[in-house]
Amino acid sequence: MKWIVGLAFVGILFALASAGRAMLNDGRDGAPKTNRMLHALAWRIGLSVALFLFILLAWRLGWIQPTGLPLQPR
């Protein structure tokens, strides 16, 4: 379970870095702009939604349990 979430986070960060690189490099030196940043950000959004839905499904199926914060006596 943890490695799936970790891989999803790595994928999200990779897509975000790709979008940043595309933003900085596209259209330089007279080159035409491309849609690389748009595609990278679309991947990031898709991975984020998929991760959220996976965590929700895992909770529904009982694979993970919420622990919450421990109560402190007053």
N, C-alpha and C. Protein backbone atom coordinates (compact mmCIF):
# COMPACT_ATOMS: atom_id res chain seq x y z
N MET A 1 0.83 -1.18 0.00
CA MET A 1 0.00 0.00 0.00
C MET A 1 0.88 1.26 0.00
N LYS A 2 1.88 1.26 0.87
CA LYS A 2 2.73 2.45 0.97
C LYS A 2 3.51 2.70 -0.30
N TRP A 3 3.95 1.64 -0.97
CA TRP A 3 4.74 1.83 -2.18
C TRP A 3 3.89 2.35 -3.32
N ILE A 4 2.59 2.00 -3.35
CA ILE A 4 1.70 2.53 -4.39
C ILE A 4 1.53 4.03 -4.20
N VAL A 5 1.30 4.47 -2.98
CA VAL A 5 1.16 5.89 -2.70
C VAL A 5 2.48 6.62 -2.98
N GLY A 6 3.60 6.02 -2.60
CA GLY A 6 4.90 6.61 -2.87
C GLY A 6 5.17 6.77 -4.36
N LEU A 7 4.85 5.74 -5.14
CA LEU A 7 5.03 5.82 -6.59
C LEU A 7 4.13 6.90 -7.20
N ALA A 8 2.92 7.02 -6.69
CA ALA A 8 2.02 8.05 -7.19
C ALA A 8 2.59 9.44 -6.89
N PHE A 9 3.12 9.64 -5.70
CA PHE A 9 3.72 10.93 -5.36
C PHE A 9 4.93 11.24 -6.23
N VAL A 10 5.75 10.23 -6.49
CA VAL A 10 6.90 10.44 -7.37
C VAL A 10 6.44 10.80 -8.78
N GLY A 11 5.40 10.13 -9.27
CA GLY A 11 4.86 10.46 -10.58
C GLY A 11 4.30 11.87 -10.65
N ILE A 12 3.62 12.28 -9.58
CA ILE A 12 3.07 13.64 -9.53
C ILE A 12 4.19 14.66 -9.54
N LEU A 13 5.23 14.44 -8.74
CA LEU A 13 6.36 15.37 -8.71
C LEU A 13 7.10 15.39 -10.04
N PHE A 14 7.23 14.23 -10.70
CA PHE A 14 7.89 14.19 -12.00
C PHE A 14 7.10 14.98 -13.04
N ALA A 15 5.77 14.84 -13.04
CA ALA A 15 4.94 15.58 -13.98
C ALA A 15 5.02 17.08 -13.70
N LEU A 16 5.08 17.46 -12.45
CA LEU A 16 5.19 18.87 -12.10
C LEU A 16 6.54 19.43 -12.54
N ALA A 17 7.61 18.66 -12.35
CA ALA A 17 8.93 19.10 -12.80
C ALA A 17 8.99 19.19 -14.32
N SER A 18 8.34 18.26 -15.00
CA SER A 18 8.31 18.31 -16.47
C SER A 18 7.58 19.55 -16.96
N ALA A 19 6.50 19.90 -16.29
CA ALA A 19 5.75 21.10 -16.67
C ALA A 19 6.60 22.35 -16.44
N GLY A 20 7.32 22.40 -15.35
CA GLY A 20 8.18 23.55 -15.08
C GLY A 20 9.30 23.67 -16.10
N ARG A 21 9.87 22.53 -16.46
CA ARG A 21 10.93 22.55 -17.47
C ARG A 21 10.38 22.99 -18.82
N ALA A 22 9.19 22.51 -19.18
CA ALA A 22 8.58 22.90 -20.45
C ALA A 22 8.25 24.39 -20.45
N MET A 23 7.79 24.91 -19.31
CA MET A 23 7.47 26.32 -19.22
C MET A 23 8.72 27.17 -19.43
N LEU A 24 9.84 26.74 -18.89
CA LEU A 24 11.06 27.53 -19.00
C LEU A 24 11.73 27.40 -20.36
N ASN A 25 11.58 26.25 -21.04
CA ASN A 25 12.31 26.01 -22.26
C ASN A 25 11.51 26.25 -23.54
N ASP A 26 10.20 26.11 -23.52
CA ASP A 26 9.42 26.27 -24.74
C ASP A 26 9.41 27.72 -25.20
N GLY A 27 9.53 27.90 -26.51
CA GLY A 27 9.46 29.23 -27.09
C GLY A 27 10.74 30.03 -27.00
N ARG A 28 11.83 29.40 -26.60
CA ARG A 28 13.12 30.11 -26.51
C ARG A 28 13.81 30.11 -27.87
N ASP A 29 14.55 31.13 -28.11
CA ASP A 29 15.38 31.25 -29.31
C ASP A 29 14.56 31.11 -30.59
N GLY A 30 13.37 31.64 -30.61
CA GLY A 30 12.56 31.63 -31.81
C GLY A 30 11.86 30.32 -32.11
N ALA A 31 12.01 29.32 -31.24
CA ALA A 31 11.35 28.04 -31.45
C ALA A 31 9.86 28.18 -31.15
N PRO A 32 9.01 27.46 -31.86
CA PRO A 32 7.57 27.55 -31.60
C PRO A 32 7.23 26.92 -30.25
N LYS A 33 6.18 27.44 -29.64
CA LYS A 33 5.73 26.88 -28.37
C LYS A 33 5.01 25.56 -28.63
N THR A 34 5.14 24.66 -27.68
CA THR A 34 4.47 23.36 -27.79
C THR A 34 3.47 23.21 -26.65
N ASN A 35 2.79 22.08 -26.64
CA ASN A 35 1.80 21.80 -25.60
C ASN A 35 2.36 20.89 -24.51
N ARG A 36 3.68 20.84 -24.37
CA ARG A 36 4.29 19.93 -23.38
C ARG A 36 3.86 20.28 -21.96
N MET A 37 3.79 21.57 -21.64
CA MET A 37 3.40 21.95 -20.28
C MET A 37 1.95 21.54 -20.01
N LEU A 38 1.08 21.74 -20.98
CA LEU A 38 -0.32 21.37 -20.84
C LEU A 38 -0.46 19.87 -20.59
N HIS A 39 0.26 19.08 -21.34
CA HIS A 39 0.18 17.62 -21.18
C HIS A 39 0.75 17.18 -19.84
N ALA A 40 1.83 17.78 -19.40
CA ALA A 40 2.42 17.41 -18.11
C ALA A 40 1.49 17.77 -16.96
N LEU A 41 0.85 18.93 -17.04
CA LEU A 41 -0.08 19.32 -15.97
C LEU A 41 -1.34 18.46 -16.00
N ALA A 42 -1.77 18.05 -17.18
CA ALA A 42 -2.92 17.15 -17.27
C ALA A 42 -2.58 15.80 -16.63
N TRP A 43 -1.37 15.29 -16.85
CA TRP A 43 -0.93 14.06 -16.19
C TRP A 43 -0.90 14.23 -14.68
N ARG A 44 -0.43 15.39 -14.22
CA ARG A 44 -0.36 15.63 -12.78
C ARG A 44 -1.74 15.61 -12.16
N ILE A 45 -2.69 16.26 -12.81
CA ILE A 45 -4.06 16.28 -12.29
C ILE A 45 -4.66 14.87 -12.31
N GLY A 46 -4.43 14.15 -13.39
CA GLY A 46 -4.95 12.78 -13.48
C GLY A 46 -4.38 11.87 -12.41
N LEU A 47 -3.07 11.97 -12.18
CA LEU A 47 -2.45 11.16 -11.13
C LEU A 47 -2.96 11.54 -9.75
N SER A 48 -3.17 12.83 -9.51
CA SER A 48 -3.67 13.27 -8.21
C SER A 48 -5.08 12.76 -7.96
N VAL A 49 -5.93 12.84 -8.96
CA VAL A 49 -7.31 12.33 -8.82
C VAL A 49 -7.29 10.81 -8.64
N ALA A 50 -6.45 10.12 -9.41
CA ALA A 50 -6.36 8.66 -9.28
C ALA A 50 -5.88 8.26 -7.89
N LEU A 51 -4.90 8.99 -7.35
CA LEU A 51 -4.41 8.70 -6.01
C LEU A 51 -5.50 8.91 -4.96
N PHE A 52 -6.25 10.00 -5.09
CA PHE A 52 -7.34 10.27 -4.15
C PHE A 52 -8.38 9.16 -4.21
N LEU A 53 -8.77 8.77 -5.43
CA LEU A 53 -9.78 7.72 -5.57
C LEU A 53 -9.26 6.37 -5.05
N PHE A 54 -7.98 6.08 -5.26
CA PHE A 54 -7.40 4.85 -4.74
C PHE A 54 -7.41 4.83 -3.22
N ILE A 55 -7.06 5.93 -2.59
CA ILE A 55 -7.08 6.00 -1.13
C ILE A 55 -8.50 5.86 -0.61
N LEU A 56 -9.46 6.48 -1.28
CA LEU A 56 -10.86 6.36 -0.88
C LEU A 56 -11.35 4.92 -1.03
N LEU A 57 -10.99 4.26 -2.12
CA LEU A 57 -11.37 2.87 -2.33
C LEU A 57 -10.70 1.95 -1.30
N ALA A 58 -9.43 2.20 -1.01
CA ALA A 58 -8.73 1.38 -0.02
C ALA A 58 -9.39 1.53 1.35
N TRP A 59 -9.83 2.71 1.68
CA TRP A 59 -10.52 2.92 2.97
C TRP A 59 -11.86 2.18 2.97
N ARG A 60 -12.60 2.27 1.84
CA ARG A 60 -13.90 1.61 1.76
C ARG A 60 -13.78 0.09 1.86
N LEU A 61 -12.73 -0.47 1.27
CA LEU A 61 -12.54 -1.91 1.30
C LEU A 61 -11.87 -2.41 2.58
N GLY A 62 -11.47 -1.49 3.45
CA GLY A 62 -10.88 -1.86 4.73
C GLY A 62 -9.40 -2.15 4.67
N TRP A 63 -8.74 -1.78 3.58
CA TRP A 63 -7.30 -2.00 3.46
C TRP A 63 -6.53 -1.05 4.36
N ILE A 64 -7.07 0.13 4.59
CA ILE A 64 -6.44 1.11 5.49
C ILE A 64 -7.49 1.57 6.49
N GLN A 65 -7.04 1.97 7.65
CA GLN A 65 -7.93 2.43 8.71
C GLN A 65 -7.50 3.82 9.17
N PRO A 66 -8.44 4.72 9.36
CA PRO A 66 -8.06 6.03 9.91
C PRO A 66 -7.70 5.88 11.38
N THR A 67 -6.64 6.54 11.79
CA THR A 67 -6.22 6.45 13.18
C THR A 67 -6.60 7.70 13.96
N GLY A 68 -6.64 8.84 13.32
CA GLY A 68 -6.99 10.06 14.02
C GLY A 68 -5.91 10.49 14.99
N LEU A 69 -6.19 11.53 15.71
CA LEU A 69 -5.26 12.03 16.71
C LEU A 69 -5.65 11.50 18.07
N PRO A 70 -4.69 11.14 18.90
CA PRO A 70 -5.03 10.66 20.24
C PRO A 70 -5.61 11.80 21.07
N LEU A 71 -6.61 11.47 21.87
CA LEU A 71 -7.23 12.48 22.73
C LEU A 71 -6.33 12.75 23.93
N GLN A 72 -6.18 14.02 24.27
CA GLN A 72 -5.39 14.41 25.43
C GLN A 72 -6.34 14.72 26.58
N PRO A 73 -6.14 14.11 27.75
CA PRO A 73 -7.02 14.42 28.90
C PRO A 73 -6.75 15.85 29.36
N ARG A 74 -7.81 16.50 29.77
CA ARG A 74 -7.67 17.89 30.22
C ARG A 74 -7.60 17.97 31.71
